[in-house]
Amino acid sequence: MQLTSINDIIRKYRHIFLSPHFDDVVFSCGGTLGVQVSSGLHPLVITVFGGPPPANTPLSPLAQHFHGRWGADSAKGASGVIETRRKEDASALEYLQADYLWLDYSDAIYRGNPAYYTSEQQIFGGDVHPVDQAIEKQLGQLLLDLQSRLPDATWYAPLGIGRHVDHQIVCSAADRLVQRGAKVYFYEDFPYVLQDGVLQKRIEELGASYEPNLVEMSEFLPARQEASKMYASQIIGSQEDLVQSMDRYTHNIRPVETIRLERYWVAR
């Protein structure tokens, strides 16, 4: 079910997942969503950077580059791209029977005129632009306000593996919940976590002490894989490559033949 406003978030939501972009939670936590739904819970996925840029904002060369990679219709512009990605997200989350809400912040590739980020290196692994720190502050306050209304909620946020600037922003905003004492599970950003050494590097960069928590979701790996395939515009390579990499990664967390896991990190 789609929510249309923050005001729609009520006490029945005890598990709230923060997704920087439309695909991140399904790619990273789809099995956990399946486990929760099967237990009668109502997980909620909030996609932060889910809005189009302001009307008449010119597309930067970098934005045009990503649109081309995603197979977007250039005539429809950014609004058409967002519409397509929202349809993919709705299909995936309704398949998993999770509720969802799209916030109106714009993706990093659309922010700034002139653009704040002009290369893939700045998007993936660069520092958050100083102007964007206002988003982190505003989002952090929004999360704190929600936590006041839902004090028993458990939160799930990206660890920021791979250092995509939007993931960094959401991770940092979620840390405000940690500082208040809320229960926050940081998930391993997939597929970025597939790169050698990036998980440990990110944990060291954050400078806190984390302990792992494992969710056994073997029964629901096929649902995570099927839902992930619905993000057709975002799949690099083939769907089969995506399915196999999810199987390998969730198996290798604890290499027991029939076990598939999703791992979360909790600050001590």
Protein backbone atom coordinates (compact mmCIF):
# COMPACT_ATOMS: atom_id res chain seq x y z
CA MET A 1 0.00 0.00 0.00
CA GLN A 2 1.28 3.44 -0.89
CA LEU A 3 1.24 6.14 1.76
CA THR A 4 0.90 9.70 0.55
CA SER A 5 2.14 11.64 3.56
CA ILE A 6 4.30 11.39 6.67
CA ASN A 7 1.02 11.84 8.54
CA ASP A 8 -0.07 8.42 7.27
CA ILE A 9 2.64 6.73 9.36
CA ILE A 10 0.83 5.29 12.35
CA ARG A 11 1.73 3.08 15.29
CA LYS A 12 1.23 -0.19 13.42
CA TYR A 13 4.57 0.47 11.71
CA ARG A 14 7.14 -1.11 14.00
CA HIS A 15 9.78 -1.71 11.30
CA ILE A 16 10.73 1.26 9.12
CA PHE A 17 13.26 0.93 6.30
CA LEU A 18 15.02 3.98 4.88
CA SER A 19 15.87 3.65 1.19
CA PRO A 20 17.99 6.37 -0.42
CA HIS A 21 16.69 5.42 -3.87
CA PHE A 22 13.85 3.30 -5.15
CA ASP A 23 15.75 0.00 -5.31
CA ASP A 24 18.06 0.08 -2.31
CA VAL A 25 15.95 -1.59 0.37
CA VAL A 26 14.65 -4.35 -1.90
CA PHE A 27 18.17 -5.07 -3.22
CA SER A 28 19.61 -5.13 0.31
CA CYS A 29 16.80 -6.19 2.67
CA GLY A 30 14.19 -7.91 0.52
CA GLY A 31 14.48 -11.17 2.44
CA THR A 32 13.95 -9.42 5.76
CA LEU A 33 10.83 -7.77 4.37
CA GLY A 34 9.56 -11.23 3.44
CA VAL A 35 10.26 -12.62 6.90
CA GLN A 36 8.43 -9.74 8.56
CA VAL A 37 5.38 -9.89 6.30
CA SER A 38 5.12 -13.65 6.82
CA SER A 39 5.07 -12.99 10.58
CA GLY A 40 2.12 -10.63 10.27
CA LEU A 41 4.14 -7.43 10.56
CA HIS A 42 3.70 -4.32 8.41
CA PRO A 43 7.13 -3.10 7.28
CA LEU A 44 7.25 0.38 5.81
CA VAL A 45 9.80 1.50 3.22
CA ILE A 46 10.48 5.24 3.01
CA THR A 47 12.35 6.26 -0.14
CA VAL A 48 14.12 9.53 0.57
CA PHE A 49 15.30 10.72 -2.85
CA GLY A 50 12.04 9.92 -4.59
CA GLY A 51 11.04 13.24 -6.13
CA PRO A 52 11.68 14.92 -9.47
CA PRO A 53 13.85 18.04 -9.68
CA PRO A 54 12.11 21.42 -9.77
CA ALA A 55 10.40 22.14 -13.06
CA ASN A 56 12.63 23.63 -15.76
CA THR A 57 15.83 22.54 -14.02
CA PRO A 58 18.30 21.82 -16.84
CA LEU A 59 19.70 18.30 -16.94
CA SER A 60 23.43 18.24 -16.38
CA PRO A 61 25.66 16.11 -18.61
CA LEU A 62 25.99 13.68 -15.71
CA ALA A 63 22.21 13.34 -15.36
CA GLN A 64 21.92 12.80 -19.11
CA HIS A 65 24.62 10.13 -18.86
CA PHE A 66 22.68 8.23 -16.19
CA HIS A 67 19.44 8.58 -18.13
CA GLY A 68 21.14 6.98 -21.11
CA ARG A 69 22.42 4.12 -18.96
CA TRP A 70 18.90 3.56 -17.63
CA GLY A 71 17.40 3.47 -21.13
CA ALA A 72 15.28 6.54 -20.43
CA ASP A 73 13.26 8.37 -23.07
CA SER A 74 15.11 11.68 -23.37
CA ALA A 75 11.93 13.41 -24.54
CA LYS A 76 10.25 12.76 -21.19
CA GLY A 77 13.01 14.34 -19.12
CA ALA A 78 13.59 13.77 -15.43
CA SER A 79 9.90 13.60 -14.56
CA GLY A 80 9.47 10.69 -16.97
CA VAL A 81 12.43 8.89 -15.42
CA ILE A 82 11.02 9.34 -11.92
CA GLU A 83 7.62 8.10 -13.07
CA THR A 84 9.22 4.94 -14.50
CA ARG A 85 11.26 4.32 -11.37
CA ARG A 86 8.23 4.83 -9.14
CA LYS A 87 6.31 2.26 -11.15
CA GLU A 88 9.17 -0.21 -10.72
CA ASP A 89 9.29 0.47 -7.00
CA ALA A 90 5.54 0.11 -6.55
CA SER A 91 5.57 -3.22 -8.40
CA ALA A 92 8.45 -4.59 -6.30
CA LEU A 93 7.13 -3.47 -2.91
CA GLU A 94 3.58 -4.56 -3.63
CA TYR A 95 4.97 -7.94 -4.69
CA LEU A 96 6.69 -8.16 -1.29
CA GLN A 97 3.54 -6.79 0.43
CA ALA A 98 5.41 -3.92 2.08
CA ASP A 99 3.92 -0.45 2.48
CA TYR A 100 5.84 2.47 1.05
CA LEU A 101 6.17 6.25 1.04
CA TRP A 102 8.11 8.42 -1.40
CA LEU A 103 9.66 11.63 -0.11
CA ASP A 104 10.24 14.50 -2.51
CA TYR A 105 13.99 15.08 -2.25
CA SER A 106 15.71 14.90 -5.63
CA ASP A 107 18.43 12.41 -6.53
CA ALA A 108 22.01 13.73 -6.37
CA ILE A 109 22.27 13.81 -10.17
CA TYR A 110 19.54 16.47 -10.29
CA ARG A 111 20.65 18.76 -7.46
CA GLY A 112 22.11 22.20 -8.04
CA ASN A 113 22.13 24.65 -10.92
CA PRO A 114 24.93 24.46 -11.86
CA ALA A 115 25.08 20.81 -10.77
CA TYR A 116 26.66 20.01 -7.40
CA TYR A 117 28.03 16.72 -8.74
CA THR A 118 29.56 16.58 -12.20
CA SER A 119 31.22 13.15 -12.30
CA GLU A 120 30.55 9.59 -11.23
CA GLN A 121 33.58 9.84 -8.95
CA GLN A 122 31.86 12.62 -7.01
CA ILE A 123 28.62 10.62 -6.75
CA PHE A 124 30.29 7.33 -5.79
CA GLY A 125 32.89 7.98 -3.15
CA GLY A 126 33.02 11.75 -3.03
CA ASP A 127 32.08 14.03 -0.17
CA VAL A 128 28.58 15.36 0.31
CA HIS A 129 28.29 18.85 -1.18
CA PRO A 130 28.11 21.51 1.58
CA VAL A 131 24.69 22.70 0.39
CA ASP A 132 23.36 19.15 0.73
CA GLN A 133 24.16 19.11 4.42
CA ALA A 134 20.88 20.95 4.83
CA ILE A 135 19.09 17.84 3.53
CA GLU A 136 20.81 15.69 6.15
CA LYS A 137 19.77 18.10 8.89
CA GLN A 138 16.18 18.35 7.67
CA LEU A 139 15.87 14.59 7.16
CA GLY A 140 17.41 13.92 10.56
CA GLN A 141 14.83 16.15 12.23
CA LEU A 142 12.04 14.43 10.32
CA LEU A 143 13.24 11.05 11.59
CA LEU A 144 13.48 12.32 15.16
CA ASP A 145 9.92 13.66 14.93
CA LEU A 146 8.74 10.28 13.67
CA GLN A 147 10.64 8.50 16.42
CA SER A 148 8.85 10.64 18.99
CA ARG A 149 5.53 9.43 17.58
CA LEU A 150 6.71 5.83 17.23
CA PRO A 151 9.09 5.27 20.15
CA ASP A 152 9.03 1.48 19.80
CA ALA A 153 9.89 1.40 16.09
CA THR A 154 12.98 -0.37 14.79
CA TRP A 155 14.77 1.47 12.00
CA TYR A 156 16.82 0.16 9.09
CA ALA A 157 19.23 2.47 7.28
CA PRO A 158 22.06 2.15 4.76
CA LEU A 159 25.55 1.75 6.15
CA GLY A 160 26.76 3.81 3.20
CA ILE A 161 29.04 1.14 1.73
CA GLY A 162 30.45 2.49 -1.50
CA ARG A 163 29.96 6.06 -0.23
CA HIS A 164 27.28 7.11 -2.69
CA VAL A 165 26.57 10.65 -1.52
CA ASP A 166 22.82 9.99 -1.10
CA HIS A 167 23.54 6.90 0.99
CA GLN A 168 25.95 8.94 3.10
CA ILE A 169 23.22 11.52 3.74
CA VAL A 170 20.65 8.93 4.85
CA CYS A 171 23.21 7.09 6.99
CA SER A 172 24.18 10.32 8.72
CA ALA A 173 20.54 11.32 9.29
CA ALA A 174 19.81 7.89 10.79
CA ASP A 175 22.73 8.33 13.19
CA ARG A 176 20.64 11.02 14.89
CA LEU A 177 18.23 8.22 15.82
CA VAL A 178 21.15 6.23 17.23
CA GLN A 179 22.20 9.20 19.36
CA ARG A 180 18.68 9.38 20.79
CA GLY A 181 18.77 5.72 21.72
CA ALA A 182 16.50 4.32 19.02
CA LYS A 183 17.16 0.83 17.69
CA VAL A 184 18.80 1.24 14.28
CA TYR A 185 20.02 -1.60 12.08
CA PHE A 186 22.41 -0.50 9.34
CA TYR A 187 22.13 -2.68 6.26
CA GLU A 188 24.82 -3.62 3.78
CA ASP A 189 24.25 -1.60 0.62
CA PHE A 190 23.85 -4.07 -2.24
CA PRO A 191 25.45 -4.33 -4.79
CA TYR A 192 28.16 -1.96 -3.54
CA VAL A 193 29.08 -4.44 -0.79
CA LEU A 194 30.24 -6.92 -3.43
CA GLN A 195 33.43 -4.90 -3.91
CA ASP A 196 36.39 -6.30 -1.99
CA GLY A 197 37.18 -4.56 1.27
CA VAL A 198 34.50 -1.87 1.09
CA LEU A 199 32.47 -3.13 4.05
CA GLN A 200 35.38 -3.02 6.48
CA LYS A 201 36.59 0.27 5.04
CA ARG A 202 33.20 1.90 5.64
CA ILE A 203 32.92 0.59 9.20
CA GLU A 204 36.39 1.95 9.96
CA GLU A 205 35.49 5.27 8.35
CA LEU A 206 32.41 5.69 10.54
CA GLY A 207 34.60 5.31 13.61
CA ALA A 208 32.03 3.58 15.82
CA SER A 209 31.94 0.07 17.21
CA TYR A 210 29.37 -2.13 15.48
CA GLU A 211 28.19 -5.66 16.07
CA PRO A 212 26.58 -7.82 13.38
CA ASN A 213 23.01 -9.09 13.51
CA LEU A 214 21.91 -11.82 11.14
CA VAL A 215 18.47 -12.46 9.64
CA GLU A 216 17.98 -15.98 8.33
CA MET A 217 15.84 -15.49 5.25
CA SER A 218 16.62 -18.51 3.07
CA GLU A 219 12.95 -19.13 2.32
CA PHE A 220 12.54 -15.57 1.06
CA LEU A 221 15.65 -15.18 -1.08
CA PRO A 222 13.64 -16.06 -4.22
CA ALA A 223 11.16 -13.28 -3.38
CA ARG A 224 14.00 -10.78 -2.92
CA GLN A 225 15.46 -11.85 -6.25
CA GLU A 226 12.13 -11.66 -8.07
CA ALA A 227 11.31 -8.24 -6.65
CA SER A 228 14.79 -6.96 -7.52
CA LYS A 229 14.31 -7.96 -11.15
CA MET A 230 11.39 -5.52 -11.29
CA TYR A 231 13.84 -2.59 -11.20
CA ALA A 232 14.64 -3.14 -14.85
CA SER A 233 16.11 0.33 -15.41
CA GLN A 234 18.64 -0.12 -12.61
CA ILE A 235 20.06 -3.54 -13.37
CA ILE A 236 23.62 -3.42 -14.68
CA GLY A 237 24.30 -6.59 -16.62
CA SER A 238 21.72 -9.35 -16.83
CA GLN A 239 18.96 -10.29 -14.44
CA GLU A 240 20.62 -13.67 -14.08
CA ASP A 241 23.86 -12.02 -12.95
CA LEU A 242 21.90 -10.09 -10.31
CA VAL A 243 20.10 -13.21 -9.08
CA GLN A 244 23.33 -15.21 -8.85
CA SER A 245 25.27 -12.47 -7.08
CA MET A 246 22.52 -12.18 -4.45
CA ASP A 247 22.60 -15.94 -3.92
CA ARG A 248 26.38 -16.03 -3.58
CA TYR A 249 26.59 -13.07 -1.25
CA THR A 250 23.82 -14.13 1.12
CA HIS A 251 25.34 -17.64 1.21
CA ASN A 252 28.90 -16.47 1.89
CA ILE A 253 27.94 -14.52 5.01
CA ARG A 254 27.86 -17.95 6.66
CA PRO A 255 28.78 -20.65 4.14
CA VAL A 256 26.28 -23.36 5.08
CA GLU A 257 24.75 -25.00 2.02
CA THR A 258 21.07 -24.21 2.58
CA ILE A 259 21.39 -21.01 4.61
CA ARG A 260 20.95 -17.52 3.19
CA LEU A 261 21.39 -14.48 5.44
CA GLU A 262 21.05 -10.70 5.47
CA ARG A 263 23.42 -8.94 7.84
CA TYR A 264 22.85 -5.72 9.74
CA TRP A 265 25.18 -3.68 11.92
CA VAL A 266 24.19 -2.12 15.23
CA ALA A 267 26.23 0.53 17.00
CA ARG A 268 27.27 -0.59 20.49
